Amino acid sequence: MQVTTIQGIVKNGQIHLSEDVKLPEMTQVYVVIPPTQNIKKIMSPRLENKADAKRFVKTVEEDVDDEL
């Protein structure tokens, strides 16, 4: 497999290549981010107080048909 490296930057969420390259549709590409870049992580929401977790306990209730 031949590998070609092309540098680019991200602007408004889209990758812009620094060279004028035309890639065919459905070309498989890999994005490698150098370790020197400042990458932001999106974290899952966390409860401020762990004691509040008891408010989110799921319960299962059986649906009783009152028409019988």
Protein backbone atom coordinates (compact mmCIF):
# COMPACT_ATOMS: atom_id res chain seq x y z
CA MET A 1 0.00 0.00 0.00
CA GLN A 2 1.39 3.39 -1.00
CA VAL A 3 0.98 6.19 1.53
CA THR A 4 0.94 9.88 0.62
CA THR A 5 1.17 12.57 3.28
CA ILE A 6 -0.49 15.94 2.66
CA GLN A 7 -0.55 18.71 5.24
CA GLY A 8 -3.72 20.66 5.96
CA ILE A 9 -5.55 22.69 8.59
CA VAL A 10 -9.07 22.73 10.01
CA LYS A 11 -11.22 25.82 9.37
CA ASN A 12 -14.84 25.95 10.52
CA GLY A 13 -14.84 22.20 11.14
CA GLN A 14 -13.61 21.27 7.65
CA ILE A 15 -10.17 20.01 6.65
CA HIS A 16 -8.45 22.24 4.08
CA LEU A 17 -5.41 20.76 2.38
CA SER A 18 -2.41 23.03 1.83
CA GLU A 19 -1.83 21.58 -1.65
CA ASP A 20 -4.21 21.59 -4.61
CA VAL A 21 -5.13 17.91 -4.50
CA LYS A 22 -8.14 16.28 -6.12
CA LEU A 23 -9.15 13.03 -4.46
CA PRO A 24 -11.63 10.68 -6.12
CA GLU A 25 -14.97 10.17 -4.37
CA MET A 26 -14.96 7.41 -1.74
CA THR A 27 -11.16 7.60 -1.33
CA GLN A 28 -10.23 6.19 2.07
CA VAL A 29 -8.20 8.68 4.09
CA TYR A 30 -6.66 8.72 7.57
CA VAL A 31 -6.31 11.83 9.71
CA VAL A 32 -3.22 11.88 11.93
CA ILE A 33 -2.96 14.73 14.44
CA PRO A 34 0.57 15.61 15.56
CA PRO A 35 1.06 15.41 19.34
CA THR A 36 2.12 19.07 19.50
CA GLN A 37 -1.42 20.23 18.71
CA ASN A 38 -3.75 21.43 21.50
CA ILE A 39 -6.64 18.96 21.23
CA LYS A 40 -9.85 19.62 23.17
CA LYS A 41 -11.68 16.64 24.66
CA ILE A 42 -15.45 16.52 24.93
CA MET A 43 -16.29 15.05 28.28
CA SER A 44 -19.54 13.42 29.35
CA PRO A 45 -21.68 15.50 31.69
CA ARG A 46 -21.06 14.85 35.36
CA LEU A 47 -23.22 15.48 38.40
CA GLU A 48 -21.92 18.25 40.63
CA ASN A 49 -22.90 16.28 43.70
CA LYS A 50 -22.74 12.45 43.52
CA ALA A 51 -25.52 12.23 46.11
CA ASP A 52 -27.91 13.57 43.43
CA ALA A 53 -27.52 10.28 41.50
CA LYS A 54 -30.28 8.70 43.60
CA ARG A 55 -32.76 11.04 41.85
CA PHE A 56 -32.05 9.22 38.56
CA VAL A 57 -32.73 5.64 39.68
CA LYS A 58 -35.02 3.85 37.23
CA THR A 59 -38.05 1.94 38.45
CA VAL A 60 -40.24 -0.44 36.50
CA GLU A 61 -43.97 -0.29 37.11
CA GLU A 62 -46.41 -2.76 35.68
CA ASP A 63 -49.25 -1.26 33.65
CA VAL A 64 -52.48 -2.51 35.21
CA ASP A 65 -55.55 -2.48 33.01
CA ASP A 66 -58.34 -0.89 35.10
CA GLU A 67 -61.11 -1.94 32.70
CA LEU A 68 -61.32 -5.56 33.96
